[in-house]
N, C-alpha and C. Protein backbone atom coordinates (compact mmCIF):
# COMPACT_ATOMS: atom_id res chain seq x y z
N MET A 1 3.50 14.25 31.68
CA MET A 1 2.70 12.94 31.78
C MET A 1 1.57 12.55 30.70
N ARG A 2 0.70 13.95 30.83
CA ARG A 2 -0.34 14.01 29.98
C ARG A 2 0.18 14.11 28.43
N ARG A 3 1.08 14.74 27.98
CA ARG A 3 1.40 14.25 26.99
C ARG A 3 1.91 13.19 26.28
N LEU A 4 2.81 12.27 27.45
CA LEU A 4 2.82 11.23 26.79
C LEU A 4 1.67 10.29 26.78
N LEU A 5 0.87 10.43 27.62
CA LEU A 5 -0.50 9.60 27.69
C LEU A 5 -0.99 9.82 26.46
N ALA A 6 -1.23 11.20 25.88
CA ALA A 6 -2.03 11.37 24.89
C ALA A 6 -1.37 10.76 23.48
N THR A 7 -0.05 11.02 23.64
CA THR A 7 0.75 10.23 22.47
C THR A 7 0.65 8.95 22.41
N LEU A 8 0.67 7.92 23.47
CA LEU A 8 0.18 6.91 23.40
C LEU A 8 -0.86 6.37 22.69
N LEU A 9 -2.19 7.17 23.89
CA LEU A 9 -3.38 7.30 22.85
C LEU A 9 -3.31 7.19 21.25
N PHE A 10 -2.74 8.29 20.84
CA PHE A 10 -2.85 8.74 19.52
C PHE A 10 -2.28 7.63 18.43
N LEU A 11 -1.28 6.98 19.20
CA LEU A 11 -0.64 5.87 18.11
C LEU A 11 -1.22 4.61 18.52
N GLY A 12 -1.70 4.60 19.18
CA GLY A 12 -2.89 3.42 19.49
C GLY A 12 -3.61 3.05 18.34
N ALA A 13 -4.72 4.19 18.33
CA ALA A 13 -5.65 4.52 17.23
C ALA A 13 -5.51 4.65 15.87
N CYS A 14 -4.10 5.48 15.74
CA CYS A 14 -3.53 5.08 14.25
C CYS A 14 -3.34 3.72 13.93
N ALA A 15 -2.65 3.00 14.90
CA ALA A 15 -2.23 1.28 14.99
C ALA A 15 -3.56 0.47 14.37
N GLU A 16 -4.92 0.95 15.31
CA GLU A 16 -5.87 0.07 14.69
C GLU A 16 -6.23 0.37 13.43
N ALA A 17 -6.26 1.78 13.06
CA ALA A 17 -6.80 2.06 11.72
C ALA A 17 -6.06 1.30 10.47
N ILE A 18 -4.73 0.70 10.71
CA ILE A 18 -4.15 0.46 9.43
C ILE A 18 -4.31 -1.32 9.44
N PRO A 19 -4.83 -1.76 8.37
CA PRO A 19 -5.75 -2.67 8.56
C PRO A 19 -4.33 -4.14 8.32
N GLU A 20 -4.39 -5.34 8.93
CA GLU A 20 -3.47 -6.51 9.07
C GLU A 20 -4.07 -7.09 7.31
N LYS A 21 -4.85 -7.49 7.05
CA LYS A 21 -5.23 -7.95 6.07
C LYS A 21 -5.89 -7.08 5.04
N VAL A 22 -5.57 -6.99 3.81
CA VAL A 22 -6.24 -6.02 2.50
C VAL A 22 -6.92 -7.15 2.01
N VAL A 23 -7.99 -7.42 1.54
CA VAL A 23 -8.72 -8.42 0.55
C VAL A 23 -8.44 -8.00 -0.86
N LEU A 24 -7.79 -8.81 -1.36
CA LEU A 24 -8.14 -8.36 -3.03
C LEU A 24 -9.22 -8.40 -3.64
N LYS A 25 -9.67 -7.31 -4.05
CA LYS A 25 -10.92 -7.20 -4.59
C LYS A 25 -10.94 -8.32 -6.35
N PRO A 26 -12.02 -8.77 -6.64
CA PRO A 26 -11.76 -9.52 -7.73
C PRO A 26 -11.26 -8.95 -9.24
N GLU A 27 -12.00 -7.66 -9.38
CA GLU A 27 -11.70 -7.04 -10.23
C GLU A 27 -9.83 -6.62 -10.05
N ALA A 28 -9.25 -6.83 -9.27
CA ALA A 28 -7.86 -6.33 -8.67
C ALA A 28 -6.87 -7.34 -8.97
N GLU A 29 -7.29 -8.83 -9.41
CA GLU A 29 -6.62 -9.79 -9.59
C GLU A 29 -5.53 -9.43 -10.69
N ALA A 30 -6.40 -9.09 -12.01
CA ALA A 30 -5.23 -8.59 -13.06
C ALA A 30 -4.39 -7.67 -12.95
N VAL A 31 -4.46 -6.99 -12.00
CA VAL A 31 -3.55 -5.96 -12.01
C VAL A 31 -1.95 -6.57 -11.61
N GLN A 32 -1.46 -5.86 -12.63
CA GLN A 32 -0.04 -6.59 -12.35
C GLN A 32 1.17 -5.33 -11.91
N VAL A 33 1.51 -6.07 -10.68
CA VAL A 33 2.76 -5.03 -9.96
C VAL A 33 3.94 -5.22 -10.65
N VAL A 34 4.31 -4.05 -10.95
CA VAL A 34 6.00 -3.91 -11.94
C VAL A 34 6.75 -2.87 -10.84
N THR A 35 7.93 -3.16 -11.06
CA THR A 35 8.88 -2.40 -10.47
C THR A 35 9.39 -1.14 -11.03
N ASP A 36 9.37 -1.36 -12.46
CA ASP A 36 9.71 -0.06 -13.67
C ASP A 36 8.68 0.23 -14.10
N ARG A 37 8.51 1.69 -14.27
CA ARG A 37 7.38 2.41 -14.85
C ARG A 37 7.08 1.86 -16.33
N PRO A 38 5.77 1.38 -16.89
CA PRO A 38 5.68 0.85 -18.10
C PRO A 38 6.11 1.94 -18.94
N ASN A 39 6.11 1.35 -20.52
CA ASN A 39 6.43 1.87 -21.46
C ASN A 39 5.37 3.23 -21.82
N ALA A 40 5.60 4.27 -21.94
CA ALA A 40 4.93 5.45 -21.88
C ALA A 40 4.36 5.76 -23.29
N ASP A 41 4.60 5.17 -24.42
CA ASP A 41 4.05 4.69 -25.50
C ASP A 41 2.83 3.83 -25.70
N GLN A 42 3.13 2.92 -24.67
CA GLN A 42 1.62 2.27 -24.52
C GLN A 42 1.01 2.35 -23.52
N TYR A 43 1.07 2.91 -22.40
CA TYR A 43 0.18 3.14 -20.82
C TYR A 43 0.51 4.49 -20.77
N VAL A 44 -0.81 5.28 -20.04
CA VAL A 44 -1.03 6.51 -19.61
C VAL A 44 -1.06 6.38 -18.09
N ALA A 45 -0.51 6.98 -17.32
CA ALA A 45 -0.43 7.23 -15.75
C ALA A 45 -1.91 7.71 -15.34
N LEU A 46 -2.14 7.07 -14.29
CA LEU A 46 -3.54 7.71 -13.71
C LEU A 46 -3.35 8.16 -12.39
N GLY A 47 -2.42 8.28 -11.79
CA GLY A 47 -2.04 8.71 -10.81
C GLY A 47 -1.67 8.00 -9.39
N GLU A 48 -1.16 8.59 -8.24
CA GLU A 48 -0.48 7.64 -7.52
C GLU A 48 -1.33 7.26 -6.55
N VAL A 49 -1.04 6.27 -6.10
CA VAL A 49 -2.00 5.13 -4.83
C VAL A 49 -0.93 4.72 -4.04
N THR A 50 -1.74 4.47 -2.84
CA THR A 50 -0.71 4.18 -1.75
C THR A 50 -1.30 2.98 -0.85
N GLY A 51 -0.69 2.13 -0.51
CA GLY A 51 -1.05 0.97 0.57
C GLY A 51 -0.60 1.03 1.83
N THR A 52 -1.20 0.90 3.04
CA THR A 52 -0.40 0.59 4.12
C THR A 52 -1.04 -0.46 5.12
N ALA A 53 -0.18 -1.49 5.25
CA ALA A 53 -0.62 -2.57 6.23
C ALA A 53 0.26 -2.68 7.52
N GLN A 54 -0.05 -3.63 8.61
CA GLN A 54 0.67 -3.59 9.57
C GLN A 54 0.42 -5.15 9.81
N GLY A 55 1.34 -5.66 10.56
CA GLY A 55 1.69 -6.98 11.18
C GLY A 55 3.17 -7.54 11.63
N ALA A 56 3.23 -8.52 11.90
CA ALA A 56 4.44 -9.24 12.56
C ALA A 56 5.45 -9.27 11.49
N ASP A 57 4.99 -10.08 10.08
CA ASP A 57 6.12 -10.41 9.07
C ASP A 57 6.28 -9.35 8.15
N LYS A 58 7.63 -8.57 7.70
CA LYS A 58 7.34 -7.76 6.96
C LYS A 58 7.04 -7.95 5.49
N GLU A 59 7.65 -9.20 5.07
CA GLU A 59 7.26 -9.66 3.69
C GLU A 59 5.38 -9.95 3.51
N ALA A 60 4.98 -10.40 4.21
CA ALA A 60 3.86 -10.58 4.28
C ALA A 60 2.91 -9.18 4.53
N VAL A 61 3.28 -8.33 5.27
CA VAL A 61 2.65 -7.15 5.50
C VAL A 61 2.80 -6.14 4.04
N THR A 62 4.05 -6.38 3.50
CA THR A 62 4.44 -5.65 2.13
C THR A 62 2.99 -6.01 1.12
N THR A 63 3.06 -7.52 0.94
CA THR A 63 2.12 -7.76 0.03
C THR A 63 0.70 -7.41 0.30
N GLN A 64 0.18 -7.20 1.94
CA GLN A 64 -0.88 -6.75 2.11
C GLN A 64 -0.83 -5.29 1.70
N ALA A 65 -0.16 -4.31 1.72
CA ALA A 65 -0.13 -3.17 1.10
C ALA A 65 -0.11 -2.87 -0.33
N LYS A 66 0.29 -4.16 -0.81
CA LYS A 66 0.37 -4.15 -2.24
C LYS A 66 -0.77 -4.45 -2.84
N ASN A 67 -1.66 -5.19 -2.28
CA ASN A 67 -3.18 -5.85 -2.32
C ASN A 67 -3.95 -4.40 -2.52
N GLU A 68 -3.52 -3.46 -1.65
CA GLU A 68 -4.34 -2.17 -1.86
C GLU A 68 -3.97 -1.15 -2.78
N LEU A 69 -2.64 -1.23 -3.10
CA LEU A 69 -2.55 -0.72 -4.52
C LEU A 69 -2.93 -1.32 -5.71
N ARG A 70 -3.23 -2.43 -5.73
CA ARG A 70 -4.00 -3.38 -6.91
C ARG A 70 -5.05 -2.76 -6.89
N ASN A 71 -6.12 -2.95 -5.53
CA ASN A 71 -7.31 -2.46 -5.66
C ASN A 71 -7.58 -1.13 -6.10
N GLN A 72 -6.90 -0.21 -5.70
CA GLN A 72 -7.07 1.11 -5.96
C GLN A 72 -6.83 1.37 -7.51
N THR A 73 -5.56 0.66 -8.43
CA THR A 73 -5.57 0.71 -9.37
C THR A 73 -6.54 0.40 -10.64
N ALA A 74 -7.15 -0.96 -9.74
CA ALA A 74 -8.63 -1.26 -10.59
C ALA A 74 -9.89 -0.55 -10.38
N GLN A 75 -9.74 -0.18 -9.19
CA GLN A 75 -10.79 1.46 -8.90
C GLN A 75 -10.68 1.94 -10.11
N ARG A 76 -9.55 2.96 -10.45
CA ARG A 76 -9.21 3.64 -11.44
C ARG A 76 -9.46 3.48 -12.76
N GLY A 77 -9.51 1.93 -12.76
CA GLY A 77 -9.73 1.44 -14.25
C GLY A 77 -8.08 1.11 -14.92
N GLY A 78 -7.17 1.00 -14.26
CA GLY A 78 -5.91 0.47 -14.88
C GLY A 78 -5.57 -0.89 -14.43
N THR A 79 -4.33 -1.11 -15.00
CA THR A 79 -3.96 -2.59 -15.38
C THR A 79 -2.82 -3.32 -14.60
N VAL A 80 -1.85 -2.13 -14.45
CA VAL A 80 -0.57 -1.97 -13.89
C VAL A 80 -0.27 -1.19 -13.04
N VAL A 81 0.40 -1.22 -11.80
CA VAL A 81 0.79 -0.37 -10.89
C VAL A 81 2.46 -0.52 -10.93
N SER A 82 2.84 0.48 -10.96
CA SER A 82 4.59 0.53 -10.60
C SER A 82 4.81 0.70 -9.30
N VAL A 83 5.45 0.29 -8.57
CA VAL A 83 6.11 0.60 -7.17
C VAL A 83 7.16 1.73 -7.02
N ASP A 84 6.64 2.79 -6.85
CA ASP A 84 7.85 3.83 -6.62
C ASP A 84 8.34 3.78 -5.29
N SER A 85 7.81 3.50 -3.96
CA SER A 85 8.64 3.18 -2.69
C SER A 85 7.90 2.48 -2.01
N VAL A 86 8.65 1.72 -0.85
CA VAL A 86 8.51 0.95 0.32
C VAL A 86 9.14 1.48 1.38
N ASP A 87 8.12 1.75 2.39
CA ASP A 87 8.78 2.43 3.69
C ASP A 87 8.40 1.56 4.85
N PRO A 88 9.33 0.74 5.32
CA PRO A 88 8.83 -0.06 6.67
C PRO A 88 9.01 0.63 8.12
N ARG A 89 8.21 0.40 8.54
CA ARG A 89 8.59 1.39 10.11
C ARG A 89 8.53 0.02 11.27
N HIS A 90 9.32 0.11 12.01
CA HIS A 90 8.79 -0.96 13.52
C HIS A 90 8.25 0.21 14.43
N GLU A 91 7.47 -0.57 15.24
CA GLU A 91 6.78 -0.16 15.94
C GLU A 91 6.37 -0.85 17.15
N TRP A 92 5.99 -0.20 18.36
CA TRP A 92 6.19 -0.57 19.48
C TRP A 92 7.21 -2.13 19.82
N GLN A 93 8.64 -1.56 19.78
CA GLN A 93 9.49 -2.34 20.50
C GLN A 93 9.85 -3.44 19.28
N GLY A 94 9.66 -2.97 17.95
CA GLY A 94 10.05 -4.11 16.82
C GLY A 94 9.02 -5.26 16.80
N ARG A 95 7.74 -5.05 17.68
CA ARG A 95 6.49 -6.33 17.70
C ARG A 95 5.74 -6.26 16.45
N ARG A 96 5.67 -5.02 15.77
CA ARG A 96 5.11 -4.62 14.73
C ARG A 96 5.55 -4.26 13.72
N VAL A 97 5.26 -4.24 12.29
CA VAL A 97 5.88 -3.78 11.38
C VAL A 97 4.76 -3.42 10.65
N VAL A 98 5.06 -1.64 9.97
CA VAL A 98 4.12 -0.87 9.46
C VAL A 98 4.55 -0.75 7.85
N VAL A 99 4.02 -1.09 6.64
CA VAL A 99 4.72 -0.75 5.78
C VAL A 99 3.85 0.07 4.75
N LYS A 100 4.20 0.74 4.70
CA LYS A 100 3.59 2.07 3.28
C LYS A 100 4.10 1.70 2.12
N VAL A 101 3.45 1.49 0.96
CA VAL A 101 3.82 1.27 -0.62
C VAL A 101 3.28 2.53 -1.42
N THR A 102 3.97 2.96 -1.84
CA THR A 102 3.42 4.10 -3.02
C THR A 102 3.85 3.70 -4.37
N GLY A 103 2.83 4.00 -5.02
CA GLY A 103 2.82 3.54 -6.61
C GLY A 103 2.19 4.50 -7.48
N THR A 104 2.22 4.20 -8.94
CA THR A 104 1.39 5.05 -9.97
C THR A 104 0.84 3.97 -10.60
N ALA A 105 -0.25 4.24 -10.49
CA ALA A 105 -1.28 3.37 -11.62
C ALA A 105 -1.32 3.51 -12.72
N TYR A 106 -1.53 2.99 -13.97
CA TYR A 106 -1.53 2.61 -15.26
C TYR A 106 -2.67 2.29 -15.78
N LYS A 107 -2.91 2.65 -17.14
CA LYS A 107 -3.81 2.04 -17.81
C LYS A 107 -3.64 1.62 -19.26
N PRO A 108 -3.55 0.93 -20.22
CA PRO A 108 -3.30 0.85 -21.82
C PRO A 108 -3.74 2.19 -22.53
N LYS A 109 -3.01 2.78 -23.27
CA LYS A 109 -3.33 3.85 -24.07
C LYS A 109 -4.55 3.48 -25.22
N ASP A 110 -5.34 4.43 -25.31
CA ASP A 110 -6.35 3.89 -26.14
C ASP A 110 -6.37 3.88 -27.58
C-alpha cells in the first residue's frame, strides 16, 4: 500500500511540473517548424530540443509542446526546428494527454 501511495504522489508531482500552456516568446515567433531536416548545405544543426505539455486535447497539447521547441530553438539562435518524434501518452484513465515532442534546432550557415 505504501508503494502504491508513493507512486501516486510521484505521478501527481510530475503531472504538475508539465505545463498546460507554453507561452511562445516573441523571439520564437519567427522559428519555423518542419517535419523534414533542412538542407545541410544551407543549415547547421544546433542540437536537440524537447518540449512537453499536458491537457485534454491532443492537438492543442502538441501545439504547446512545439511552442517549447520554438522557444528553445530561438534561445540557441536558430530559425528552424525539425520535429524528430511526437510521443503522446494518456494518463489518469484517459482524462489527460501528455505529449513530448523532440526535434533538432538549426540556423542558417554563415
